[in-house]
Amino acid sequence: MRTWTVFGILVVFCIGIAAPVLSDDWKEQSGRGRWWHGDYNEEYWDEPCQVKTESKRGEFKREIKCKDGVGARWRGEWKKEYWDGPCKVKLEAKRDEFKEEVKCE
C-alpha cells in the first residue's frame, strides 16, 4: 500500500514539472510572439497617454506621449543609457514624453 502512495506522489510531481516545460513559451498572451522575433508595430491608448511601439529584428522602440504630462508615470526630465547584456538601452524622459530604445548587436 505504501508503494502505491509513493508512486502516486511521484507521478503527480512529474506531471507538475513537465507541464510548464512543455508549454508554448515563445508566444505572449496576445499570441503574436515577443518583439525580437520579427517586425512589429502597435499604437494604442493607455488611459490619457498614447503609446507607440515599433520593433525590428534586434531593435525595439517605445514612445509614450501624455498631453500636458497628465497621466505620466515618470517625473522630471532625464536621460539614461546602459548596456543590458548585448543590448544598448536608451531612456529619455521629458514632462509629457517618454522614449525607450533598445538596440542589440
C-alpha atoms as a PDB file:
ATOM      1  CA  MET A   1       0.000   0.000   0.000  1.00  0.00           C
ATOM      2  CA  ARG A   2       2.818   2.387   0.882  1.00  0.00           C
ATOM      3  CA  THR A   3       4.455   1.767  -2.526  1.00  0.00           C
ATOM      4  CA  TRP A   4       1.344   2.970  -4.388  1.00  0.00           C
ATOM      5  CA  THR A   5       1.207   6.147  -2.306  1.00  0.00           C
ATOM      6  CA  VAL A   6       4.831   6.975  -3.058  1.00  0.00           C
ATOM      7  CA  PHE A   7       4.304   6.106  -6.730  1.00  0.00           C
ATOM      8  CA  GLY A   8       1.218   8.363  -6.915  1.00  0.00           C
ATOM      9  CA  ILE A   9       3.065  11.287  -5.332  1.00  0.00           C
ATOM     10  CA  LEU A  10       5.944  10.774  -7.774  1.00  0.00           C
ATOM     11  CA  VAL A  11       3.573  10.787 -10.787  1.00  0.00           C
ATOM     12  CA  VAL A  12       1.850  13.986  -9.620  1.00  0.00           C
ATOM     13  CA  PHE A  13       5.242  15.620  -9.056  1.00  0.00           C
ATOM     14  CA  CYS A  14       6.478  14.650 -12.548  1.00  0.00           C
ATOM     15  CA  ILE A  15       3.314  15.971 -14.208  1.00  0.00           C
ATOM     16  CA  GLY A  16       3.682  19.228 -12.286  1.00  0.00           C
ATOM     17  CA  ILE A  17       7.271  19.609 -13.507  1.00  0.00           C
ATOM     18  CA  ALA A  18       6.532  18.607 -17.124  1.00  0.00           C
ATOM     19  CA  ALA A  19       3.543  20.920 -17.720  1.00  0.00           C
ATOM     20  CA  PRO A  20       5.469  24.233 -17.678  1.00  0.00           C
ATOM     21  CA  VAL A  21       8.348  22.726 -19.648  1.00  0.00           C
ATOM     22  CA  LEU A  22       6.050  21.588 -22.453  1.00  0.00           C
ATOM     23  CA  SER A  23       4.118  24.854 -22.682  1.00  0.00           C
ATOM     24  CA  ASP A  24       4.497  27.130 -25.730  1.00  0.00           C
ATOM     25  CA  ASP A  25       6.939  29.625 -24.216  1.00  0.00           C
ATOM     26  CA  TRP A  26       7.763  31.807 -27.220  1.00  0.00           C
ATOM     27  CA  LYS A  27       4.302  33.350 -27.544  1.00  0.00           C
ATOM     28  CA  GLU A  28       2.888  36.044 -25.306  1.00  0.00           C
ATOM     29  CA  GLN A  29      -0.730  36.137 -24.227  1.00  0.00           C
ATOM     30  CA  SER A  30      -1.504  38.176 -27.366  1.00  0.00           C
ATOM     31  CA  GLY A  31      -0.343  35.229 -29.485  1.00  0.00           C
ATOM     32  CA  ARG A  32       1.925  37.354 -31.677  1.00  0.00           C
ATOM     33  CA  GLY A  33       5.259  36.345 -30.171  1.00  0.00           C
ATOM     34  CA  ARG A  34       7.856  38.505 -28.495  1.00  0.00           C
ATOM     35  CA  TRP A  35       9.297  41.653 -30.050  1.00  0.00           C
ATOM     36  CA  TRP A  36      12.650  40.126 -31.001  1.00  0.00           C
ATOM     37  CA  HIS A  37      11.051  37.541 -33.310  1.00  0.00           C
ATOM     38  CA  GLY A  38      10.396  39.918 -36.227  1.00  0.00           C
ATOM     39  CA  ASP A  39       8.820  43.219 -37.290  1.00  0.00           C
ATOM     40  CA  TYR A  40       6.035  44.542 -35.105  1.00  0.00           C
ATOM     41  CA  ASN A  41       4.183  47.880 -34.869  1.00  0.00           C
ATOM     42  CA  GLU A  42       1.452  48.794 -32.429  1.00  0.00           C
ATOM     43  CA  GLU A  43      -0.284  52.007 -31.453  1.00  0.00           C
ATOM     44  CA  TYR A  44      -2.769  52.262 -28.580  1.00  0.00           C
ATOM     45  CA  TRP A  45      -4.018  54.460 -25.732  1.00  0.00           C
ATOM     46  CA  ASP A  46      -3.141  53.685 -22.119  1.00  0.00           C
ATOM     47  CA  GLU A  47      -5.536  55.883 -20.170  1.00  0.00           C
ATOM     48  CA  PRO A  48      -4.731  59.504 -21.199  1.00  0.00           C
ATOM     49  CA  CYS A  49      -1.425  58.593 -22.908  1.00  0.00           C
ATOM     50  CA  GLN A  50      -0.753  57.492 -26.485  1.00  0.00           C
ATOM     51  CA  VAL A  51       1.712  54.603 -26.798  1.00  0.00           C
ATOM     52  CA  LYS A  52       3.588  53.708 -29.992  1.00  0.00           C
ATOM     53  CA  THR A  53       5.610  50.501 -30.083  1.00  0.00           C
ATOM     54  CA  GLU A  54       7.800  49.580 -33.006  1.00  0.00           C
ATOM     55  CA  SER A  55      10.307  46.766 -33.385  1.00  0.00           C
ATOM     56  CA  LYS A  56      12.525  45.183 -35.971  1.00  0.00           C
ATOM     57  CA  ARG A  57      14.962  42.337 -35.623  1.00  0.00           C
ATOM     58  CA  GLY A  58      17.388  43.370 -32.866  1.00  0.00           C
ATOM     59  CA  GLU A  59      15.713  46.764 -32.245  1.00  0.00           C
ATOM     60  CA  PHE A  60      12.849  47.960 -30.087  1.00  0.00           C
ATOM     61  CA  LYS A  61      11.356  51.450 -29.650  1.00  0.00           C
ATOM     62  CA  ARG A  62       8.548  52.620 -27.391  1.00  0.00           C
ATOM     63  CA  GLU A  63       7.277  56.181 -27.290  1.00  0.00           C
ATOM     64  CA  ILE A  64       4.690  57.374 -24.778  1.00  0.00           C
ATOM     65  CA  LYS A  65       3.097  60.805 -25.114  1.00  0.00           C
ATOM     66  CA  CYS A  66       0.815  62.271 -22.473  1.00  0.00           C
ATOM     67  CA  LYS A  67      -0.907  65.562 -23.262  1.00  0.00           C
ATOM     68  CA  ASP A  68       0.398  68.212 -20.835  1.00  0.00           C
ATOM     69  CA  GLY A  69       2.012  65.464 -18.732  1.00  0.00           C
ATOM     70  CA  VAL A  70      -1.349  64.270 -17.374  1.00  0.00           C
ATOM     71  CA  GLY A  71      -1.184  60.544 -16.545  1.00  0.00           C
ATOM     72  CA  ALA A  72       2.592  60.306 -16.924  1.00  0.00           C
ATOM     73  CA  ARG A  73       4.150  57.606 -14.738  1.00  0.00           C
ATOM     74  CA  TRP A  74       7.549  59.347 -14.679  1.00  0.00           C
ATOM     75  CA  ARG A  75       8.638  62.615 -13.143  1.00  0.00           C
ATOM     76  CA  GLY A  76      11.133  65.231 -14.292  1.00  0.00           C
ATOM     77  CA  GLU A  77      13.399  65.358 -17.312  1.00  0.00           C
ATOM     78  CA  TRP A  78      16.276  62.891 -17.533  1.00  0.00           C
ATOM     79  CA  LYS A  79      18.298  60.659 -19.843  1.00  0.00           C
ATOM     80  CA  LYS A  80      19.852  57.298 -19.118  1.00  0.00           C
ATOM     81  CA  GLU A  81      21.952  54.922 -21.229  1.00  0.00           C
ATOM     82  CA  TYR A  82      23.177  51.476 -20.215  1.00  0.00           C
ATOM     83  CA  TRP A  83      24.010  48.026 -21.548  1.00  0.00           C
ATOM     84  CA  ASP A  84      21.727  45.082 -20.811  1.00  0.00           C
ATOM     85  CA  GLY A  85      23.778  42.121 -21.964  1.00  0.00           C
ATOM     86  CA  PRO A  86      24.483  42.583 -25.694  1.00  0.00           C
ATOM     87  CA  CYS A  87      21.821  45.312 -25.989  1.00  0.00           C
ATOM     88  CA  LYS A  88      22.246  49.061 -25.557  1.00  0.00           C
ATOM     89  CA  VAL A  89      19.280  50.699 -23.833  1.00  0.00           C
ATOM     90  CA  LYS A  90      18.496  54.422 -24.081  1.00  0.00           C
ATOM     91  CA  LEU A  91      15.815  56.017 -21.924  1.00  0.00           C
ATOM     92  CA  GLU A  92      14.740  59.641 -22.261  1.00  0.00           C
ATOM     93  CA  ALA A  93      12.016  61.367 -20.281  1.00  0.00           C
ATOM     94  CA  LYS A  94      10.502  64.805 -20.662  1.00  0.00           C
ATOM     95  CA  ARG A  95       7.488  66.330 -18.988  1.00  0.00           C
ATOM     96  CA  ASP A  96       4.990  64.914 -21.490  1.00  0.00           C
ATOM     97  CA  GLU A  97       7.023  62.308 -23.380  1.00  0.00           C
ATOM     98  CA  PHE A  98       8.943  59.107 -22.602  1.00  0.00           C
ATOM     99  CA  LYS A  99      11.160  57.260 -25.103  1.00  0.00           C
ATOM    100  CA  GLU A 100      12.756  53.847 -24.744  1.00  0.00           C
ATOM    101  CA  GLU A 101      15.109  52.457 -27.384  1.00  0.00           C
ATOM    102  CA  VAL A 102      16.858  49.069 -27.342  1.00  0.00           C
ATOM    103  CA  LYS A 103      19.445  48.046 -29.952  1.00  0.00           C
ATOM    104  CA  CYS A 104      21.058  44.620 -29.847  1.00  0.00           C
ATOM    105  CA  GLU A 105      24.241  43.638 -31.656  1.00  0.00           C
END
